[in-house]
Amino acid sequence: MAISSVGAVVLDCPDPSALADFYARVLGGSVEGEGDWVDLKVPGGPALAFQAAPDHVPPRWPAPEHSQQFHLDLMVEDLDTAEKEVLALGAKPLDAEDRSRTFRVYADPAGHPFCLCAC
């Protein structure tokens, strides 16, 4: 028996509304709240929450000497199409050159790494 269930995955960031909007465009769902805490209710998945952290330092990829903190694996049907769309929304490629792999790594506008996966 599980002790708990996932309520939300919370990301620290400098601008919660802007980062919630980025992920709403990537994942769909509805953005709720404003200010220092914004929620994204994602269809079929756990909520994402965005918490204001004015001194947020984004993780580095890949950098074993620095914590990655966490990353999201986002499942997609077509890597090339999804890549064009997330780049147009402000994502930055971190490790996307190897086109033979089933995943590519990007940073969201606040610097958090995430993977697009066609696994």
C-alpha atoms as a PDB file:
ATOM      1  CA  MET A   1       0.000   0.000   0.000  1.00  0.00           C
ATOM      2  CA  ALA A   2       1.348   3.423  -0.961  1.00  0.00           C
ATOM      3  CA  ILE A   3       1.944   5.977   1.741  1.00  0.00           C
ATOM      4  CA  SER A   4       1.045   8.880  -0.528  1.00  0.00           C
ATOM      5  CA  SER A   5       0.367   9.984  -4.087  1.00  0.00           C
ATOM      6  CA  VAL A   6       1.883  12.770  -6.179  1.00  0.00           C
ATOM      7  CA  GLY A   7       0.053  16.032  -5.592  1.00  0.00           C
ATOM      8  CA  ALA A   8       2.273  18.212  -7.758  1.00  0.00           C
ATOM      9  CA  VAL A   9       5.774  18.536  -9.104  1.00  0.00           C
ATOM     10  CA  VAL A  10       7.019  21.968  -8.007  1.00  0.00           C
ATOM     11  CA  LEU A  11       9.584  23.978  -9.953  1.00  0.00           C
ATOM     12  CA  ASP A  12      11.369  26.974  -8.460  1.00  0.00           C
ATOM     13  CA  CYS A  13      11.724  29.783 -10.991  1.00  0.00           C
ATOM     14  CA  PRO A  14      12.020  33.556 -11.238  1.00  0.00           C
ATOM     15  CA  ASP A  15       8.614  34.056 -12.960  1.00  0.00           C
ATOM     16  CA  PRO A  16       5.937  31.466 -12.077  1.00  0.00           C
ATOM     17  CA  SER A  17       3.326  32.791 -14.524  1.00  0.00           C
ATOM     18  CA  ALA A  18       5.715  32.779 -17.482  1.00  0.00           C
ATOM     19  CA  LEU A  19       6.973  29.261 -16.791  1.00  0.00           C
ATOM     20  CA  ALA A  20       3.435  27.943 -16.218  1.00  0.00           C
ATOM     21  CA  ASP A  21       2.457  29.435 -19.576  1.00  0.00           C
ATOM     22  CA  PHE A  22       5.428  27.713 -21.284  1.00  0.00           C
ATOM     23  CA  TYR A  23       4.440  24.302 -19.901  1.00  0.00           C
ATOM     24  CA  ALA A  24       0.724  24.900 -20.616  1.00  0.00           C
ATOM     25  CA  ARG A  25       1.654  25.427 -24.276  1.00  0.00           C
ATOM     26  CA  VAL A  26       3.772  22.260 -24.250  1.00  0.00           C
ATOM     27  CA  LEU A  27       1.446  19.984 -22.223  1.00  0.00           C
ATOM     28  CA  GLY A  28      -2.001  21.582 -22.408  1.00  0.00           C
ATOM     29  CA  GLY A  29      -4.032  22.063 -19.275  1.00  0.00           C
ATOM     30  CA  SER A  30      -5.191  25.063 -17.324  1.00  0.00           C
ATOM     31  CA  VAL A  31      -3.152  27.621 -15.419  1.00  0.00           C
ATOM     32  CA  GLU A  32      -4.498  28.673 -12.030  1.00  0.00           C
ATOM     33  CA  GLY A  33      -3.217  31.371  -9.724  1.00  0.00           C
ATOM     34  CA  GLU A  34      -0.758  34.205 -10.024  1.00  0.00           C
ATOM     35  CA  GLY A  35       2.054  35.815  -8.119  1.00  0.00           C
ATOM     36  CA  ASP A  36       4.468  33.656  -6.136  1.00  0.00           C
ATOM     37  CA  TRP A  37       2.654  30.338  -6.776  1.00  0.00           C
ATOM     38  CA  VAL A  38       0.990  29.191  -9.994  1.00  0.00           C
ATOM     39  CA  ASP A  39      -0.503  25.748 -10.712  1.00  0.00           C
ATOM     40  CA  LEU A  40      -0.842  23.955 -14.028  1.00  0.00           C
ATOM     41  CA  LYS A  41      -3.502  21.252 -14.025  1.00  0.00           C
ATOM     42  CA  VAL A  42      -2.238  18.776 -16.623  1.00  0.00           C
ATOM     43  CA  PRO A  43      -4.710  16.413 -18.318  1.00  0.00           C
ATOM     44  CA  GLY A  44      -3.918  12.826 -17.379  1.00  0.00           C
ATOM     45  CA  GLY A  45      -0.944  13.636 -15.185  1.00  0.00           C
ATOM     46  CA  PRO A  46       0.146  15.208 -11.932  1.00  0.00           C
ATOM     47  CA  ALA A  47      -0.140  18.953 -11.546  1.00  0.00           C
ATOM     48  CA  LEU A  48       2.900  21.108 -12.070  1.00  0.00           C
ATOM     49  CA  ALA A  49       3.346  24.023  -9.696  1.00  0.00           C
ATOM     50  CA  PHE A  50       5.673  26.980 -10.107  1.00  0.00           C
ATOM     51  CA  GLN A  51       7.063  28.760  -7.077  1.00  0.00           C
ATOM     52  CA  ALA A  52       8.784  32.146  -7.132  1.00  0.00           C
ATOM     53  CA  ALA A  53      12.481  31.935  -6.337  1.00  0.00           C
ATOM     54  CA  PRO A  54      14.076  35.296  -7.145  1.00  0.00           C
ATOM     55  CA  ASP A  55      17.609  33.933  -6.605  1.00  0.00           C
ATOM     56  CA  HIS A  56      16.977  30.784  -8.652  1.00  0.00           C
ATOM     57  CA  VAL A  57      20.127  29.356 -10.218  1.00  0.00           C
ATOM     58  CA  PRO A  58      19.298  27.008 -13.082  1.00  0.00           C
ATOM     59  CA  PRO A  59      20.929  23.589 -13.169  1.00  0.00           C
ATOM     60  CA  ARG A  60      23.643  22.867 -15.739  1.00  0.00           C
ATOM     61  CA  TRP A  61      23.485  20.066 -18.273  1.00  0.00           C
ATOM     62  CA  PRO A  62      25.492  17.898 -18.303  1.00  0.00           C
ATOM     63  CA  ALA A  63      27.589  18.820 -15.326  1.00  0.00           C
ATOM     64  CA  PRO A  64      28.226  16.005 -12.835  1.00  0.00           C
ATOM     65  CA  GLU A  65      29.826  18.463 -10.417  1.00  0.00           C
ATOM     66  CA  HIS A  66      26.519  20.414 -10.204  1.00  0.00           C
ATOM     67  CA  SER A  67      23.129  19.072  -9.253  1.00  0.00           C
ATOM     68  CA  GLN A  68      20.644  18.615 -12.072  1.00  0.00           C
ATOM     69  CA  GLN A  69      17.909  18.961  -9.385  1.00  0.00           C
ATOM     70  CA  PHE A  70      15.291  17.094 -11.449  1.00  0.00           C
ATOM     71  CA  HIS A  71      13.992  16.836 -14.992  1.00  0.00           C
ATOM     72  CA  LEU A  72      10.754  15.987 -16.751  1.00  0.00           C
ATOM     73  CA  ASP A  73      10.485  13.277 -19.404  1.00  0.00           C
ATOM     74  CA  LEU A  74       7.790  14.396 -21.842  1.00  0.00           C
ATOM     75  CA  MET A  75       6.486  11.722 -24.209  1.00  0.00           C
ATOM     76  CA  VAL A  76       5.956  12.793 -27.847  1.00  0.00           C
ATOM     77  CA  GLU A  77       4.903  11.105 -31.079  1.00  0.00           C
ATOM     78  CA  ASP A  78       7.463  12.845 -33.317  1.00  0.00           C
ATOM     79  CA  LEU A  79      10.729  14.273 -31.967  1.00  0.00           C
ATOM     80  CA  ASP A  80      11.373  16.637 -34.884  1.00  0.00           C
ATOM     81  CA  THR A  81       7.905  18.197 -34.726  1.00  0.00           C
ATOM     82  CA  ALA A  82       7.943  18.506 -30.929  1.00  0.00           C
ATOM     83  CA  GLU A  83      11.435  20.010 -31.032  1.00  0.00           C
ATOM     84  CA  LYS A  84      10.358  22.770 -33.431  1.00  0.00           C
ATOM     85  CA  GLU A  85       7.391  23.586 -31.225  1.00  0.00           C
ATOM     86  CA  VAL A  86       9.264  23.770 -27.889  1.00  0.00           C
ATOM     87  CA  LEU A  87      12.076  25.831 -29.446  1.00  0.00           C
ATOM     88  CA  ALA A  88       9.471  28.278 -30.785  1.00  0.00           C
ATOM     89  CA  LEU A  89       8.126  28.583 -27.223  1.00  0.00           C
ATOM     90  CA  GLY A  90      11.541  29.518 -25.825  1.00  0.00           C
ATOM     91  CA  ALA A  91      13.206  26.199 -24.946  1.00  0.00           C
ATOM     92  CA  LYS A  92      16.969  25.912 -25.491  1.00  0.00           C
ATOM     93  CA  PRO A  93      18.675  22.724 -26.740  1.00  0.00           C
ATOM     94  CA  LEU A  94      21.082  21.143 -24.241  1.00  0.00           C
ATOM     95  CA  ASP A  95      21.780  17.732 -25.769  1.00  0.00           C
ATOM     96  CA  ALA A  96      19.811  17.309 -28.980  1.00  0.00           C
ATOM     97  CA  GLU A  97      22.426  16.707 -31.668  1.00  0.00           C
ATOM     98  CA  ASP A  98      22.322  12.888 -31.721  1.00  0.00           C
ATOM     99  CA  ARG A  99      19.319  12.184 -33.949  1.00  0.00           C
ATOM    100  CA  SER A 100      19.687   8.389 -33.561  1.00  0.00           C
ATOM    101  CA  ARG A 101      18.528   8.453 -29.918  1.00  0.00           C
ATOM    102  CA  THR A 102      14.925   8.232 -28.766  1.00  0.00           C
ATOM    103  CA  PHE A 103      15.249  11.366 -26.602  1.00  0.00           C
ATOM    104  CA  ARG A 104      16.588  14.924 -26.749  1.00  0.00           C
ATOM    105  CA  VAL A 105      17.353  17.271 -23.856  1.00  0.00           C
ATOM    106  CA  TYR A 106      16.293  20.911 -23.626  1.00  0.00           C
ATOM    107  CA  ALA A 107      16.072  23.667 -21.004  1.00  0.00           C
ATOM    108  CA  ASP A 108      12.822  25.467 -20.293  1.00  0.00           C
ATOM    109  CA  PRO A 109      12.909  29.297 -20.189  1.00  0.00           C
ATOM    110  CA  ALA A 110      13.951  29.205 -16.496  1.00  0.00           C
ATOM    111  CA  GLY A 111      16.790  26.763 -17.229  1.00  0.00           C
ATOM    112  CA  HIS A 112      15.279  23.477 -15.944  1.00  0.00           C
ATOM    113  CA  PRO A 113      16.243  20.522 -18.139  1.00  0.00           C
ATOM    114  CA  PHE A 114      13.534  18.378 -19.721  1.00  0.00           C
ATOM    115  CA  CYS A 115      13.590  15.566 -22.244  1.00  0.00           C
ATOM    116  CA  LEU A 116      11.395  15.011 -25.231  1.00  0.00           C
ATOM    117  CA  CYS A 117      11.101  11.232 -25.518  1.00  0.00           C
ATOM    118  CA  ALA A 118       9.781   9.079 -28.346  1.00  0.00           C
ATOM    119  CA  CYS A 119      10.379   5.900 -26.373  1.00  0.00           C
END
